[in-house]
């Protein structure tokens, strides 16, 4: 997990490249932590979360401002490695699309598993991911609503902060729901995958703050 990353408030008024890369590191590190924890949880029947959600979809490597690295290369096609030294718009779209895809897949697999709750996709994905992103091939859209469309020319920093808020909010919502799920044995998903990792604070345009 991140080391020596100071808590920083990111708002629509300011966002640096280093902060954006640290955010992506935290988002993907949190995703991996959730999947790994689910696979090890004896109350969760399926043990294919990391394989189906992270390994099969992520195909990116992120190096944060402290030199910590998360991710993997599963295919040279549409693979990107990003760091505080730079990120292209194509790499950013790839990170957004892959995270949307992985998070939806995670929620769908949780709903299909025999857990107490079967509302993970409805509450953690459909209700919160209110931006749209198109896949690198320009064929498939992911997300819900019409708050913002992410395409090749979408580089609005204000909306990027809104998207960052959505992702942290979704991670917190999902981990809280897992902790409260009666079938899941562990009750430290939020502590390990959200509180300990999402150490940036993000303020959206409405003044709401998420993160630690």
C-alpha atoms as a PDB file:
ATOM      1  CA  UNK A   1       0.000   0.000   0.000  1.00  0.00           C
ATOM      2  CA  UNK A   2       1.133   3.652  -0.285  1.00  0.00           C
ATOM      3  CA  UNK A   3       3.937   4.753   1.980  1.00  0.00           C
ATOM      4  CA  UNK A   4       4.458   8.256   3.333  1.00  0.00           C
ATOM      5  CA  UNK A   5       1.689   9.805   1.274  1.00  0.00           C
ATOM      6  CA  UNK A   6       0.407  12.849   3.161  1.00  0.00           C
ATOM      7  CA  UNK A   7      -3.309  13.470   3.281  1.00  0.00           C
ATOM      8  CA  UNK A   8      -4.121  16.033   0.606  1.00  0.00           C
ATOM      9  CA  UNK A   9      -7.412  17.705  -0.270  1.00  0.00           C
ATOM     10  CA  UNK A  10      -8.080  17.667  -3.997  1.00  0.00           C
ATOM     11  CA  UNK A  11     -10.827  19.957  -5.238  1.00  0.00           C
ATOM     12  CA  UNK A  12     -12.182  21.137  -8.613  1.00  0.00           C
ATOM     13  CA  UNK A  13      -9.992  24.225  -8.169  1.00  0.00           C
ATOM     14  CA  UNK A  14      -6.680  22.369  -8.148  1.00  0.00           C
ATOM     15  CA  UNK A  15      -5.257  19.050  -9.295  1.00  0.00           C
ATOM     16  CA  UNK A  16      -1.624  18.228 -10.005  1.00  0.00           C
ATOM     17  CA  UNK A  17      -0.276  15.412 -12.133  1.00  0.00           C
ATOM     18  CA  UNK A  18       1.317  13.801  -9.087  1.00  0.00           C
ATOM     19  CA  UNK A  19      -1.994  13.836  -7.231  1.00  0.00           C
ATOM     20  CA  UNK A  20      -3.794  12.257 -10.181  1.00  0.00           C
ATOM     21  CA  UNK A  21      -1.244   9.442 -10.455  1.00  0.00           C
ATOM     22  CA  UNK A  22      -1.363   8.844  -6.689  1.00  0.00           C
ATOM     23  CA  UNK A  23      -5.157   8.640  -6.963  1.00  0.00           C
ATOM     24  CA  UNK A  24      -4.992   6.011  -9.711  1.00  0.00           C
ATOM     25  CA  UNK A  25      -2.483   4.026  -7.681  1.00  0.00           C
ATOM     26  CA  UNK A  26      -4.819   4.082  -4.672  1.00  0.00           C
ATOM     27  CA  UNK A  27      -7.903   3.176  -6.710  1.00  0.00           C
ATOM     28  CA  UNK A  28      -6.268   0.153  -8.321  1.00  0.00           C
ATOM     29  CA  UNK A  29      -4.479  -0.893  -5.133  1.00  0.00           C
ATOM     30  CA  UNK A  30      -7.819  -0.813  -3.340  1.00  0.00           C
ATOM     31  CA  UNK A  31      -9.451  -2.867  -6.099  1.00  0.00           C
ATOM     32  CA  UNK A  32      -6.715  -5.516  -5.866  1.00  0.00           C
ATOM     33  CA  UNK A  33      -6.946  -5.581  -2.050  1.00  0.00           C
ATOM     34  CA  UNK A  34     -10.717  -6.159  -2.158  1.00  0.00           C
ATOM     35  CA  UNK A  35     -10.359  -9.007  -4.669  1.00  0.00           C
ATOM     36  CA  UNK A  36      -7.488 -10.650  -2.807  1.00  0.00           C
ATOM     37  CA  UNK A  37      -9.388 -10.414   0.481  1.00  0.00           C
ATOM     38  CA  UNK A  38     -12.537 -11.900  -1.071  1.00  0.00           C
ATOM     39  CA  UNK A  39     -10.582 -14.855  -2.439  1.00  0.00           C
ATOM     40  CA  UNK A  40      -9.193 -15.532   1.046  1.00  0.00           C
ATOM     41  CA  UNK A  41     -12.511 -14.996   2.862  1.00  0.00           C
ATOM     42  CA  UNK A  42     -13.901 -18.367   3.966  1.00  0.00           C
ATOM     43  CA  UNK A  43     -17.445 -16.999   3.984  1.00  0.00           C
ATOM     44  CA  UNK A  44     -17.318 -16.131   0.271  1.00  0.00           C
ATOM     45  CA  UNK A  45     -17.970 -19.190  -1.936  1.00  0.00           C
ATOM     46  CA  UNK A  46     -16.132 -18.017  -5.072  1.00  0.00           C
ATOM     47  CA  UNK A  47     -12.370 -17.565  -5.042  1.00  0.00           C
ATOM     48  CA  UNK A  48     -11.939 -16.129  -8.541  1.00  0.00           C
ATOM     49  CA  UNK A  49     -12.257 -12.411  -7.806  1.00  0.00           C
ATOM     50  CA  UNK A  50      -8.625 -11.527  -8.383  1.00  0.00           C
ATOM     51  CA  UNK A  51      -8.498 -13.661 -11.548  1.00  0.00           C
ATOM     52  CA  UNK A  52     -11.725 -12.339 -13.078  1.00  0.00           C
ATOM     53  CA  UNK A  53     -11.671  -8.730 -11.898  1.00  0.00           C
ATOM     54  CA  UNK A  54      -8.026  -7.708 -11.598  1.00  0.00           C
ATOM     55  CA  UNK A  55      -5.827 -10.032 -13.632  1.00  0.00           C
ATOM     56  CA  UNK A  56      -8.199 -10.337 -16.587  1.00  0.00           C
ATOM     57  CA  UNK A  57      -9.074  -6.650 -16.930  1.00  0.00           C
ATOM     58  CA  UNK A  58      -6.588  -4.162 -15.437  1.00  0.00           C
ATOM     59  CA  UNK A  59      -3.711  -4.402 -17.987  1.00  0.00           C
ATOM     60  CA  UNK A  60      -2.035  -1.250 -16.636  1.00  0.00           C
ATOM     61  CA  UNK A  61       0.856  -0.473 -14.315  1.00  0.00           C
ATOM     62  CA  UNK A  62       0.776   2.607 -12.082  1.00  0.00           C
ATOM     63  CA  UNK A  63       3.784   3.981 -10.209  1.00  0.00           C
ATOM     64  CA  UNK A  64       2.895   6.561  -7.558  1.00  0.00           C
ATOM     65  CA  UNK A  65       4.920   9.544  -6.354  1.00  0.00           C
ATOM     66  CA  UNK A  66       6.681   7.400  -3.746  1.00  0.00           C
ATOM     67  CA  UNK A  67       7.761   4.714  -6.216  1.00  0.00           C
ATOM     68  CA  UNK A  68       5.093   2.174  -5.187  1.00  0.00           C
ATOM     69  CA  UNK A  69       3.794   0.101  -8.105  1.00  0.00           C
ATOM     70  CA  UNK A  70       0.488  -1.693  -8.698  1.00  0.00           C
ATOM     71  CA  UNK A  71      -0.952  -3.436 -11.738  1.00  0.00           C
ATOM     72  CA  UNK A  72       0.133  -5.897 -14.393  1.00  0.00           C
ATOM     73  CA  UNK A  73       0.527  -6.341 -18.127  1.00  0.00           C
ATOM     74  CA  UNK A  74      -1.727  -9.115 -19.401  1.00  0.00           C
ATOM     75  CA  UNK A  75      -1.566  -8.036 -23.058  1.00  0.00           C
ATOM     76  CA  UNK A  76       0.553  -5.584 -25.083  1.00  0.00           C
ATOM     77  CA  UNK A  77      -2.660  -4.320 -26.667  1.00  0.00           C
ATOM     78  CA  UNK A  78      -3.844  -1.126 -24.949  1.00  0.00           C
ATOM     79  CA  UNK A  79      -1.301  -1.537 -22.153  1.00  0.00           C
ATOM     80  CA  UNK A  80      -0.011   1.626 -20.458  1.00  0.00           C
ATOM     81  CA  UNK A  81       2.433   2.326 -17.661  1.00  0.00           C
ATOM     82  CA  UNK A  82       1.875   5.685 -15.955  1.00  0.00           C
ATOM     83  CA  UNK A  83       3.877   7.582 -13.355  1.00  0.00           C
ATOM     84  CA  UNK A  84       4.304  11.161 -12.078  1.00  0.00           C
ATOM     85  CA  UNK A  85       6.557  11.696 -15.088  1.00  0.00           C
ATOM     86  CA  UNK A  86       3.522  11.806 -17.340  1.00  0.00           C
ATOM     87  CA  UNK A  87       0.171  10.443 -18.504  1.00  0.00           C
ATOM     88  CA  UNK A  88      -1.350  10.730 -21.966  1.00  0.00           C
ATOM     89  CA  UNK A  89      -5.062  11.183 -22.578  1.00  0.00           C
ATOM     90  CA  UNK A  90      -5.171   7.719 -24.143  1.00  0.00           C
ATOM     91  CA  UNK A  91      -3.587   6.210 -21.023  1.00  0.00           C
ATOM     92  CA  UNK A  92      -6.041   8.105 -18.817  1.00  0.00           C
ATOM     93  CA  UNK A  93      -9.023   6.834 -20.807  1.00  0.00           C
ATOM     94  CA  UNK A  94      -7.617   3.326 -20.548  1.00  0.00           C
ATOM     95  CA  UNK A  95      -7.371   3.644 -16.758  1.00  0.00           C
ATOM     96  CA  UNK A  96     -10.931   4.991 -16.537  1.00  0.00           C
ATOM     97  CA  UNK A  97     -12.419   2.341 -18.818  1.00  0.00           C
ATOM     98  CA  UNK A  98     -10.578  -0.547 -17.178  1.00  0.00           C
ATOM     99  CA  UNK A  99     -11.569   0.596 -13.699  1.00  0.00           C
ATOM    100  CA  UNK A 100     -15.234   0.934 -14.705  1.00  0.00           C
ATOM    101  CA  UNK A 101     -15.097  -2.500 -16.313  1.00  0.00           C
ATOM    102  CA  UNK A 102     -13.347  -4.136 -13.357  1.00  0.00           C
ATOM    103  CA  UNK A 103     -15.607  -2.539 -10.755  1.00  0.00           C
ATOM    104  CA  UNK A 104     -18.785  -3.511 -12.601  1.00  0.00           C
ATOM    105  CA  UNK A 105     -17.447  -7.049 -13.015  1.00  0.00           C
ATOM    106  CA  UNK A 106     -16.666  -7.195  -9.298  1.00  0.00           C
ATOM    107  CA  UNK A 107     -20.190  -6.075  -8.391  1.00  0.00           C
ATOM    108  CA  UNK A 108     -21.803  -8.509 -10.827  1.00  0.00           C
ATOM    109  CA  UNK A 109     -19.770 -11.415  -9.448  1.00  0.00           C
ATOM    110  CA  UNK A 110     -20.701 -10.454  -5.880  1.00  0.00           C
ATOM    111  CA  UNK A 111     -24.375 -10.407  -6.862  1.00  0.00           C
ATOM    112  CA  UNK A 112     -24.044 -13.823  -8.511  1.00  0.00           C
ATOM    113  CA  UNK A 113     -22.212 -15.301  -5.517  1.00  0.00           C
ATOM    114  CA  UNK A 114     -24.367 -16.728  -2.743  1.00  0.00           C
ATOM    115  CA  UNK A 115     -23.935 -13.869  -0.301  1.00  0.00           C
ATOM    116  CA  UNK A 116     -26.541 -12.252   1.928  1.00  0.00           C
ATOM    117  CA  UNK A 117     -26.755  -9.173  -0.307  1.00  0.00           C
ATOM    118  CA  UNK A 118     -27.381  -9.194  -4.050  1.00  0.00           C
ATOM    119  CA  UNK A 119     -27.519  -5.424  -4.557  1.00  0.00           C
ATOM    120  CA  UNK A 120     -23.832  -4.649  -5.055  1.00  0.00           C
ATOM    121  CA  UNK A 121     -24.148  -3.630  -8.692  1.00  0.00           C
ATOM    122  CA  UNK A 122     -27.278  -1.559  -8.049  1.00  0.00           C
ATOM    123  CA  UNK A 123     -25.895   0.326  -5.036  1.00  0.00           C
ATOM    124  CA  UNK A 124     -22.162   0.526  -5.748  1.00  0.00           C
ATOM    125  CA  UNK A 125     -21.976   0.755  -9.550  1.00  0.00           C
ATOM    126  CA  UNK A 126     -25.244   1.751 -11.218  1.00  0.00           C
ATOM    127  CA  UNK A 127     -26.163   4.378  -8.632  1.00  0.00           C
ATOM    128  CA  UNK A 128     -22.706   5.973  -8.447  1.00  0.00           C
ATOM    129  CA  UNK A 129     -20.872   5.691 -11.778  1.00  0.00           C
ATOM    130  CA  UNK A 130     -22.739   8.545 -13.438  1.00  0.00           C
ATOM    131  CA  UNK A 131     -20.112   9.228 -16.092  1.00  0.00           C
ATOM    132  CA  UNK A 132     -19.780   7.447 -19.444  1.00  0.00           C
ATOM    133  CA  UNK A 133     -16.488   6.171 -20.878  1.00  0.00           C
ATOM    134  CA  UNK A 134     -15.911   4.538 -24.266  1.00  0.00           C
ATOM    135  CA  UNK A 135     -13.538   1.615 -24.711  1.00  0.00           C
ATOM    136  CA  UNK A 136     -10.232   2.099 -26.614  1.00  0.00           C
ATOM    137  CA  UNK A 137     -11.729   0.494 -29.735  1.00  0.00           C
ATOM    138  CA  UNK A 138     -14.524   3.081 -29.735  1.00  0.00           C
ATOM    139  CA  UNK A 139     -17.259   0.439 -29.583  1.00  0.00           C
ATOM    140  CA  UNK A 140     -18.557  -0.087 -26.042  1.00  0.00           C
ATOM    141  CA  UNK A 141     -19.662   2.472 -23.464  1.00  0.00           C
ATOM    142  CA  UNK A 142     -19.555   1.868 -19.727  1.00  0.00           C
ATOM    143  CA  UNK A 143     -21.141   3.874 -16.936  1.00  0.00           C
ATOM    144  CA  UNK A 144     -24.547   5.356 -16.311  1.00  0.00           C
ATOM    145  CA  UNK A 145     -26.265   8.696 -16.744  1.00  0.00           C
ATOM    146  CA  UNK A 146     -25.105  11.706 -18.723  1.00  0.00           C
ATOM    147  CA  UNK A 147     -23.037  13.685 -16.213  1.00  0.00           C
ATOM    148  CA  UNK A 148     -19.947  13.561 -18.423  1.00  0.00           C
ATOM    149  CA  UNK A 149     -18.691  11.662 -21.456  1.00  0.00           C
ATOM    150  CA  UNK A 150     -15.056  10.541 -21.465  1.00  0.00           C
ATOM    151  CA  UNK A 151     -13.609  10.390 -24.971  1.00  0.00           C
ATOM    152  CA  UNK A 152     -10.362  11.199 -26.798  1.00  0.00           C
ATOM    153  CA  UNK A 153     -10.714  14.967 -26.265  1.00  0.00           C
ATOM    154  CA  UNK A 154     -12.155  14.937 -22.732  1.00  0.00           C
ATOM    155  CA  UNK A 155      -9.519  16.624 -20.563  1.00  0.00           C
ATOM    156  CA  UNK A 156     -11.641  18.686 -18.177  1.00  0.00           C
ATOM    157  CA  UNK A 157      -9.797  18.729 -14.836  1.00  0.00           C
ATOM    158  CA  UNK A 158     -12.937  19.740 -12.966  1.00  0.00           C
ATOM    159  CA  UNK A 159     -14.760  16.675 -14.269  1.00  0.00           C
ATOM    160  CA  UNK A 160     -11.723  14.498 -13.579  1.00  0.00           C
ATOM    161  CA  UNK A 161     -11.994  15.477  -9.915  1.00  0.00           C
ATOM    162  CA  UNK A 162     -15.701  14.600 -10.021  1.00  0.00           C
ATOM    163  CA  UNK A 163     -14.775  11.197 -11.443  1.00  0.00           C
ATOM    164  CA  UNK A 164     -12.142  10.683  -8.742  1.00  0.00           C
ATOM    165  CA  UNK A 165     -14.794  11.470  -6.121  1.00  0.00           C
ATOM    166  CA  UNK A 166     -17.163   8.912  -7.683  1.00  0.00           C
ATOM    167  CA  UNK A 167     -14.535   6.155  -7.603  1.00  0.00           C
ATOM    168  CA  UNK A 168     -13.524   6.707  -3.964  1.00  0.00           C
ATOM    169  CA  UNK A 169     -17.191   6.964  -2.993  1.00  0.00           C
ATOM    170  CA  UNK A 170     -17.899   3.664  -4.750  1.00  0.00           C
ATOM    171  CA  UNK A 171     -14.967   1.958  -3.015  1.00  0.00           C
ATOM    172  CA  UNK A 172     -16.167   3.178   0.378  1.00  0.00           C
ATOM    173  CA  UNK A 173     -19.767   2.133  -0.351  1.00  0.00           C
ATOM    174  CA  UNK A 174     -18.736  -1.327  -1.533  1.00  0.00           C
ATOM    175  CA  UNK A 175     -16.399  -2.031   1.381  1.00  0.00           C
ATOM    176  CA  UNK A 176     -19.022  -0.875   3.900  1.00  0.00           C
ATOM    177  CA  UNK A 177     -21.564  -3.204   2.291  1.00  0.00           C
ATOM    178  CA  UNK A 178     -19.111  -6.112   2.417  1.00  0.00           C
ATOM    179  CA  UNK A 179     -18.419  -5.481   6.098  1.00  0.00           C
ATOM    180  CA  UNK A 180     -22.166  -5.572   6.813  1.00  0.00           C
ATOM    181  CA  UNK A 181     -22.890  -8.643   4.640  1.00  0.00           C
ATOM    182  CA  UNK A 182     -23.857 -11.525   6.901  1.00  0.00           C
ATOM    183  CA  UNK A 183     -22.277 -14.176   4.682  1.00  0.00           C
ATOM    184  CA  UNK A 184     -18.884 -12.501   4.454  1.00  0.00           C
ATOM    185  CA  UNK A 185     -16.703 -13.502   7.396  1.00  0.00           C
ATOM    186  CA  UNK A 186     -14.262 -10.598   7.456  1.00  0.00           C
ATOM    187  CA  UNK A 187     -15.399  -7.188   8.660  1.00  0.00           C
ATOM    188  CA  UNK A 188     -12.263  -5.232   7.793  1.00  0.00           C
ATOM    189  CA  UNK A 189     -12.779  -4.543   4.075  1.00  0.00           C
ATOM    190  CA  UNK A 190     -13.333  -0.837   4.656  1.00  0.00           C
ATOM    191  CA  UNK A 191     -10.383  -0.615   7.048  1.00  0.00           C
ATOM    192  CA  UNK A 192      -7.948  -2.424   4.748  1.00  0.00           C
ATOM    193  CA  UNK A 193      -9.112  -1.437   1.266  1.00  0.00           C
ATOM    194  CA  UNK A 194     -10.498   2.068   1.814  1.00  0.00           C
ATOM    195  CA  UNK A 195      -9.274   3.730   5.002  1.00  0.00           C
ATOM    196  CA  UNK A 196      -5.689   2.442   4.807  1.00  0.00           C
ATOM    197  CA  UNK A 197      -5.242   2.999   1.067  1.00  0.00           C
ATOM    198  CA  UNK A 198      -7.423   5.926  -0.081  1.00  0.00           C
ATOM    199  CA  UNK A 199      -5.396   8.548   1.758  1.00  0.00           C
ATOM    200  CA  UNK A 200      -6.238  11.450  -0.520  1.00  0.00           C
ATOM    201  CA  UNK A 201      -9.292  13.559   0.274  1.00  0.00           C
ATOM    202  CA  UNK A 202     -11.365  14.558  -2.744  1.00  0.00           C
ATOM    203  CA  UNK A 203     -13.934  17.360  -2.771  1.00  0.00           C
ATOM    204  CA  UNK A 204     -16.536  17.367  -5.527  1.00  0.00           C
ATOM    205  CA  UNK A 205     -18.311  20.391  -6.981  1.00  0.00           C
ATOM    206  CA  UNK A 206     -21.075  20.151  -4.378  1.00  0.00           C
ATOM    207  CA  UNK A 207     -18.540  20.447  -1.543  1.00  0.00           C
ATOM    208  CA  UNK A 208     -18.793  16.816  -0.433  1.00  0.00           C
ATOM    209  CA  UNK A 209     -15.519  15.180   0.634  1.00  0.00           C
ATOM    210  CA  UNK A 210     -14.502  11.534   0.356  1.00  0.00           C
ATOM    211  CA  UNK A 211     -11.216   9.852   1.267  1.00  0.00           C
ATOM    212  CA  UNK A 212      -8.982   9.842   4.324  1.00  0.00           C
END
